[in-house]
Every structure is written in structure tokens, then in C-alpha cells.
């Protein structure tokens, strides 16, 4: 099993923390992982993206040039990363903020109202968790339980009720509630 992932959006959307969370969950799940962040000129409000590899075999490079899955959290990221998705790959799009649609027909497009889900939970900063829930459902590379188990390790200062909201957003993003 090999899953190369690119997550992209603007600073403040939890792009980098999403990547860290996926990598940590993969480690706890006994998989080989890499994480490679990339920041724009400014962190909060600027562009941010990261590459994550989750594999059953040893990973030789952290660079994901042709991802199996791309998570797009804002409009500019769609144009930038659509050409990179591997044919037959998955593009998860935050339809709350991204109004355009991919032009390619050789990829699976999954629309998730990430910001709406976060707003319904009264926690606007957890829209990224809805996208990760969709990732779990679409790829099977990680379970929601594995991500939930990694949360206290990655978000060390988060209160239990905030961690529970994150799990709810994961489940809603996966279409489980």
C-alpha cells in the first residue's frame, strides 16, 4: 500500500497540522510515513501545502510529485494541484470555499462542505478535519480511529471537548453522521 498525499490551502486552515496528523496517525498504525511542509511568503493567510506519504513499505523520498490524493481547501490550490493528481487519483475539494470544479475526467472528485461542517459544530477552525474524514473514507489508507488516536499526541494542548469536536468533524466529512 502506498498513498502519496498533497494538502493545500491558505495559512490558518490547518494545512500543515493536517499533514502532521496524518503522518503521526500512520506511524501509530505501524506504517512508514514522511511529511514535507511548504509555506508561502507568509504563514497565516499565505499559501501553504504539504506532502505526506503513508506506505506499508519503506519510503524513499518525502516528495510527492504525482499524488494519489490531493486535498484542496481554497480556490488557488485547485488550479495549482489539479494537473499533478495521478490519473485515477482522488481530489477532495472544500466546496464551501472552492467554487470551480476540476476539468479532468480521469480523477475522482469528492466535494465536501468542510467549512459548513465546522460551522455546524461551532468550531470554524476544524474544517480541515472534515477533509481528513473524507480522505479516510475515500482511500482507506487510515481509519478515523487512527487519526483520533493521534490527535492528543499532535494537539497536546487541546482540551478533550475540542478533540471530540475534531472527531465529529472527521465523521461528518466521511459521511458517517
C-alpha atoms as a PDB file:
ATOM      1  CA  UNK A   1       0.000   0.000   0.000  1.00  0.00           C
ATOM      2  CA  UNK A   2       1.268   3.443  -0.964  1.00  0.00           C
ATOM      3  CA  UNK A   3      -0.616   6.708  -0.620  1.00  0.00           C
ATOM      4  CA  UNK A   4       1.024   9.970  -1.664  1.00  0.00           C
ATOM      5  CA  UNK A   5      -0.991  12.967  -0.485  1.00  0.00           C
ATOM      6  CA  UNK A   6      -0.806  16.721  -1.100  1.00  0.00           C
ATOM      7  CA  UNK A   7      -2.830  19.034   1.129  1.00  0.00           C
ATOM      8  CA  UNK A   8      -3.132  22.665   0.096  1.00  0.00           C
ATOM      9  CA  UNK A   9      -4.847  25.855   1.179  1.00  0.00           C
ATOM     10  CA  UNK A  10      -4.040  29.131   2.852  1.00  0.00           C
ATOM     11  CA  UNK A  11      -2.255  29.626   6.139  1.00  0.00           C
ATOM     12  CA  UNK A  12      -4.571  29.299   9.119  1.00  0.00           C
ATOM     13  CA  UNK A  13      -6.647  26.465   7.598  1.00  0.00           C
ATOM     14  CA  UNK A  14      -4.653  23.783   9.394  1.00  0.00           C
ATOM     15  CA  UNK A  15      -2.908  22.540   6.263  1.00  0.00           C
ATOM     16  CA  UNK A  16       0.397  21.755   7.931  1.00  0.00           C
ATOM     17  CA  UNK A  17      -1.201  20.374  11.094  1.00  0.00           C
ATOM     18  CA  UNK A  18      -3.352  18.099   8.887  1.00  0.00           C
ATOM     19  CA  UNK A  19      -0.178  16.687   7.354  1.00  0.00           C
ATOM     20  CA  UNK A  20       1.459  16.200  10.733  1.00  0.00           C
ATOM     21  CA  UNK A  21      -1.689  14.466  11.992  1.00  0.00           C
ATOM     22  CA  UNK A  22      -1.829  12.093   9.006  1.00  0.00           C
ATOM     23  CA  UNK A  23       1.854  11.223   9.376  1.00  0.00           C
ATOM     24  CA  UNK A  24       1.563  10.638  13.114  1.00  0.00           C
ATOM     25  CA  UNK A  25      -1.579   8.518  12.689  1.00  0.00           C
ATOM     26  CA  UNK A  26       0.246   6.470  10.062  1.00  0.00           C
ATOM     27  CA  UNK A  27       3.144   5.881  12.460  1.00  0.00           C
ATOM     28  CA  UNK A  28       0.787   4.776  15.230  1.00  0.00           C
ATOM     29  CA  UNK A  29      -0.826   2.463  12.681  1.00  0.00           C
ATOM     30  CA  UNK A  30       2.544   0.797  12.025  1.00  0.00           C
ATOM     31  CA  UNK A  31       3.047   2.306   8.573  1.00  0.00           C
ATOM     32  CA  UNK A  32       6.053   4.057   7.080  1.00  0.00           C
ATOM     33  CA  UNK A  33       5.459   7.791   6.693  1.00  0.00           C
ATOM     34  CA  UNK A  34       7.051  11.019   5.550  1.00  0.00           C
ATOM     35  CA  UNK A  35       5.916  14.612   5.954  1.00  0.00           C
ATOM     36  CA  UNK A  36       7.225  17.565   3.960  1.00  0.00           C
ATOM     37  CA  UNK A  37       5.758  21.068   4.542  1.00  0.00           C
ATOM     38  CA  UNK A  38       5.894  24.039   2.190  1.00  0.00           C
ATOM     39  CA  UNK A  39       4.959  27.573   3.223  1.00  0.00           C
ATOM     40  CA  UNK A  40       4.224  30.655   1.149  1.00  0.00           C
ATOM     41  CA  UNK A  41       5.661  34.093   1.876  1.00  0.00           C
ATOM     42  CA  UNK A  42       3.531  34.424   4.985  1.00  0.00           C
ATOM     43  CA  UNK A  43       2.110  31.687   7.142  1.00  0.00           C
ATOM     44  CA  UNK A  44      -1.322  32.916   8.224  1.00  0.00           C
ATOM     45  CA  UNK A  45      -3.162  33.955   5.075  1.00  0.00           C
ATOM     46  CA  UNK A  46      -0.356  32.956   2.688  1.00  0.00           C
ATOM     47  CA  UNK A  47      -0.323  29.717   0.757  1.00  0.00           C
ATOM     48  CA  UNK A  48       0.650  26.513   2.463  1.00  0.00           C
ATOM     49  CA  UNK A  49       0.845  22.932   1.290  1.00  0.00           C
ATOM     50  CA  UNK A  50       2.416  19.730   2.427  1.00  0.00           C
ATOM     51  CA  UNK A  51       3.231  16.287   1.150  1.00  0.00           C
ATOM     52  CA  UNK A  52       2.544  13.170   3.183  1.00  0.00           C
ATOM     53  CA  UNK A  53       3.381   9.606   2.256  1.00  0.00           C
ATOM     54  CA  UNK A  54       1.741   6.677   4.045  1.00  0.00           C
ATOM     55  CA  UNK A  55       3.092   3.306   2.964  1.00  0.00           C
ATOM     56  CA  UNK A  56       3.345  -0.292   4.013  1.00  0.00           C
ATOM     57  CA  UNK A  57       6.893  -0.303   2.591  1.00  0.00           C
ATOM     58  CA  UNK A  58       9.875   1.900   3.331  1.00  0.00           C
ATOM     59  CA  UNK A  59       9.517   5.392   1.849  1.00  0.00           C
ATOM     60  CA  UNK A  60      12.445   6.518  -0.282  1.00  0.00           C
ATOM     61  CA  UNK A  61      11.511  10.198  -0.725  1.00  0.00           C
ATOM     62  CA  UNK A  62       9.206  12.689   1.010  1.00  0.00           C
ATOM     63  CA  UNK A  63       8.488  14.418  -2.318  1.00  0.00           C
ATOM     64  CA  UNK A  64       5.053  13.660  -3.759  1.00  0.00           C
ATOM     65  CA  UNK A  65       5.222  14.935  -7.323  1.00  0.00           C
ATOM     66  CA  UNK A  66       2.243  12.935  -8.628  1.00  0.00           C
ATOM     67  CA  UNK A  67      -0.103  12.465  -5.659  1.00  0.00           C
ATOM     68  CA  UNK A  68      -2.664   9.704  -5.336  1.00  0.00           C
ATOM     69  CA  UNK A  69      -4.835  12.120  -3.362  1.00  0.00           C
ATOM     70  CA  UNK A  70      -4.995  15.909  -3.254  1.00  0.00           C
ATOM     71  CA  UNK A  71      -6.970  17.802  -0.621  1.00  0.00           C
ATOM     72  CA  UNK A  72      -7.844  21.316  -1.832  1.00  0.00           C
ATOM     73  CA  UNK A  73      -9.042  23.760   0.808  1.00  0.00           C
ATOM     74  CA  UNK A  74      -9.068  27.002  -1.243  1.00  0.00           C
ATOM     75  CA  UNK A  75      -9.608  28.165  -4.826  1.00  0.00           C
ATOM     76  CA  UNK A  76      -5.973  28.842  -5.878  1.00  0.00           C
ATOM     77  CA  UNK A  77      -4.984  25.329  -4.780  1.00  0.00           C
ATOM     78  CA  UNK A  78      -7.347  23.730  -7.288  1.00  0.00           C
ATOM     79  CA  UNK A  79      -5.592  25.322 -10.269  1.00  0.00           C
ATOM     80  CA  UNK A  80      -2.153  24.579  -8.832  1.00  0.00           C
ATOM     81  CA  UNK A  81      -2.639  20.926  -7.886  1.00  0.00           C
ATOM     82  CA  UNK A  82      -5.239  19.553 -10.322  1.00  0.00           C
ATOM     83  CA  UNK A  83      -2.600  18.869 -13.011  1.00  0.00           C
ATOM     84  CA  UNK A  84      -0.478  16.881 -10.545  1.00  0.00           C
ATOM     85  CA  UNK A  85      -3.039  14.270  -9.438  1.00  0.00           C
ATOM     86  CA  UNK A  86      -2.203  10.810 -10.708  1.00  0.00           C
ATOM     87  CA  UNK A  87      -4.704   9.508 -13.283  1.00  0.00           C
ATOM     88  CA  UNK A  88      -7.277   7.530 -11.337  1.00  0.00           C
ATOM     89  CA  UNK A  89      -6.426   9.541  -8.218  1.00  0.00           C
ATOM     90  CA  UNK A  90      -8.736  11.391  -5.849  1.00  0.00           C
ATOM     91  CA  UNK A  91      -9.233  15.126  -5.418  1.00  0.00           C
ATOM     92  CA  UNK A  92     -11.076  16.138  -2.246  1.00  0.00           C
ATOM     93  CA  UNK A  93     -12.391  19.683  -2.582  1.00  0.00           C
ATOM     94  CA  UNK A  94     -13.659  22.002   0.143  1.00  0.00           C
ATOM     95  CA  UNK A  95     -16.795  23.047  -1.716  1.00  0.00           C
ATOM     96  CA  UNK A  96     -17.523  25.689   0.933  1.00  0.00           C
ATOM     97  CA  UNK A  97     -14.702  27.848  -0.449  1.00  0.00           C
ATOM     98  CA  UNK A  98     -13.864  26.358  -3.848  1.00  0.00           C
ATOM     99  CA  UNK A  99     -16.497  27.187  -6.456  1.00  0.00           C
ATOM    100  CA  UNK A 100     -14.565  25.977  -9.528  1.00  0.00           C
ATOM    101  CA  UNK A 101     -14.530  22.318 -10.479  1.00  0.00           C
ATOM    102  CA  UNK A 102     -11.712  20.244 -11.950  1.00  0.00           C
ATOM    103  CA  UNK A 103     -11.644  19.939 -15.717  1.00  0.00           C
ATOM    104  CA  UNK A 104     -10.082  16.473 -15.672  1.00  0.00           C
ATOM    105  CA  UNK A 105     -12.278  13.432 -16.137  1.00  0.00           C
ATOM    106  CA  UNK A 106      -9.640  10.836 -15.211  1.00  0.00           C
ATOM    107  CA  UNK A 107      -9.756  11.545 -11.458  1.00  0.00           C
ATOM    108  CA  UNK A 108     -12.386  11.046  -8.789  1.00  0.00           C
ATOM    109  CA  UNK A 109     -13.695  14.329  -7.407  1.00  0.00           C
ATOM    110  CA  UNK A 110     -15.131  14.368  -3.892  1.00  0.00           C
ATOM    111  CA  UNK A 111     -16.909  17.532  -2.747  1.00  0.00           C
ATOM    112  CA  UNK A 112     -17.058  18.152   0.998  1.00  0.00           C
ATOM    113  CA  UNK A 113     -18.583  21.253   2.597  1.00  0.00           C
ATOM    114  CA  UNK A 114     -15.730  21.467   5.113  1.00  0.00           C
ATOM    115  CA  UNK A 115     -16.414  24.979   6.389  1.00  0.00           C
ATOM    116  CA  UNK A 116     -20.156  24.324   6.688  1.00  0.00           C
ATOM    117  CA  UNK A 117     -19.444  21.189   8.741  1.00  0.00           C
ATOM    118  CA  UNK A 118     -17.093  23.127  11.011  1.00  0.00           C
ATOM    119  CA  UNK A 119     -19.641  25.947  11.394  1.00  0.00           C
ATOM    120  CA  UNK A 120     -22.377  23.446  12.293  1.00  0.00           C
ATOM    121  CA  UNK A 121     -20.098  22.187  15.067  1.00  0.00           C
ATOM    122  CA  UNK A 122     -19.480  25.806  16.129  1.00  0.00           C
ATOM    123  CA  UNK A 123     -15.736  25.331  15.626  1.00  0.00           C
ATOM    124  CA  UNK A 124     -14.694  27.133  12.403  1.00  0.00           C
ATOM    125  CA  UNK A 125     -11.040  26.140  12.760  1.00  0.00           C
ATOM    126  CA  UNK A 126     -11.707  22.415  12.255  1.00  0.00           C
ATOM    127  CA  UNK A 127     -12.785  22.471   8.595  1.00  0.00           C
ATOM    128  CA  UNK A 128      -9.587  20.544   7.824  1.00  0.00           C
ATOM    129  CA  UNK A 129     -10.837  17.630   9.918  1.00  0.00           C
ATOM    130  CA  UNK A 130     -13.867  17.220   7.649  1.00  0.00           C
ATOM    131  CA  UNK A 131     -11.483  16.929   4.684  1.00  0.00           C
ATOM    132  CA  UNK A 132      -9.425  14.308   6.532  1.00  0.00           C
ATOM    133  CA  UNK A 133     -12.591  12.340   7.247  1.00  0.00           C
ATOM    134  CA  UNK A 134     -13.322  12.275   3.520  1.00  0.00           C
ATOM    135  CA  UNK A 135      -9.720  11.189   2.920  1.00  0.00           C
ATOM    136  CA  UNK A 136     -10.161   8.221   5.282  1.00  0.00           C
ATOM    137  CA  UNK A 137     -13.370   7.138   3.577  1.00  0.00           C
ATOM    138  CA  UNK A 138     -12.077   7.534   0.015  1.00  0.00           C
ATOM    139  CA  UNK A 139      -8.634   5.968   0.369  1.00  0.00           C
ATOM    140  CA  UNK A 140      -8.774   3.530   3.283  1.00  0.00           C
ATOM    141  CA  UNK A 141      -5.129   4.455   3.955  1.00  0.00           C
ATOM    142  CA  UNK A 142      -6.011   5.361   7.553  1.00  0.00           C
ATOM    143  CA  UNK A 143      -9.049   4.933   9.741  1.00  0.00           C
ATOM    144  CA  UNK A 144     -10.831   7.705  11.583  1.00  0.00           C
ATOM    145  CA  UNK A 145      -9.906   5.857  14.766  1.00  0.00           C
ATOM    146  CA  UNK A 146      -6.189   6.067  13.887  1.00  0.00           C
ATOM    147  CA  UNK A 147      -6.447   9.819  13.368  1.00  0.00           C
ATOM    148  CA  UNK A 148      -8.450  10.232  16.577  1.00  0.00           C
ATOM    149  CA  UNK A 149      -5.783   8.268  18.460  1.00  0.00           C
ATOM    150  CA  UNK A 150      -3.059  10.575  17.104  1.00  0.00           C
ATOM    151  CA  UNK A 151      -4.857  13.824  17.982  1.00  0.00           C
ATOM    152  CA  UNK A 152      -3.835  14.051  21.659  1.00  0.00           C
ATOM    153  CA  UNK A 153      -0.207  13.485  20.639  1.00  0.00           C
ATOM    154  CA  UNK A 154      -0.250  16.145  17.897  1.00  0.00           C
ATOM    155  CA  UNK A 155      -2.576  18.644  19.600  1.00  0.00           C
ATOM    156  CA  UNK A 156      -1.053  18.392  23.071  1.00  0.00           C
ATOM    157  CA  UNK A 157      -2.739  21.494  24.494  1.00  0.00           C
ATOM    158  CA  UNK A 158      -6.210  20.760  23.103  1.00  0.00           C
ATOM    159  CA  UNK A 159      -8.974  20.236  25.614  1.00  0.00           C
ATOM    160  CA  UNK A 160     -10.868  16.921  25.485  1.00  0.00           C
ATOM    161  CA  UNK A 161     -14.035  18.642  24.238  1.00  0.00           C
ATOM    162  CA  UNK A 162     -12.095  20.156  21.318  1.00  0.00           C
ATOM    163  CA  UNK A 163     -10.621  16.774  20.436  1.00  0.00           C
ATOM    164  CA  UNK A 164     -14.161  15.346  20.457  1.00  0.00           C
ATOM    165  CA  UNK A 165     -15.320  18.110  18.063  1.00  0.00           C
ATOM    166  CA  UNK A 166     -12.431  17.182  15.770  1.00  0.00           C
ATOM    167  CA  UNK A 167     -13.582  13.546  15.758  1.00  0.00           C
ATOM    168  CA  UNK A 168     -17.137  14.660  14.995  1.00  0.00           C
ATOM    169  CA  UNK A 169     -15.844  16.693  12.032  1.00  0.00           C
ATOM    170  CA  UNK A 170     -13.871  13.658  10.805  1.00  0.00           C
ATOM    171  CA  UNK A 171     -17.004  11.531  10.973  1.00  0.00           C
ATOM    172  CA  UNK A 172     -19.161  14.115   9.219  1.00  0.00           C
ATOM    173  CA  UNK A 173     -16.540  14.565   6.482  1.00  0.00           C
ATOM    174  CA  UNK A 174     -16.608  10.814   5.945  1.00  0.00           C
ATOM    175  CA  UNK A 175     -20.403  10.922   5.775  1.00  0.00           C
ATOM    176  CA  UNK A 176     -20.793   8.868   8.943  1.00  0.00           C
ATOM    177  CA  UNK A 177     -23.176  11.268  10.763  1.00  0.00           C
END
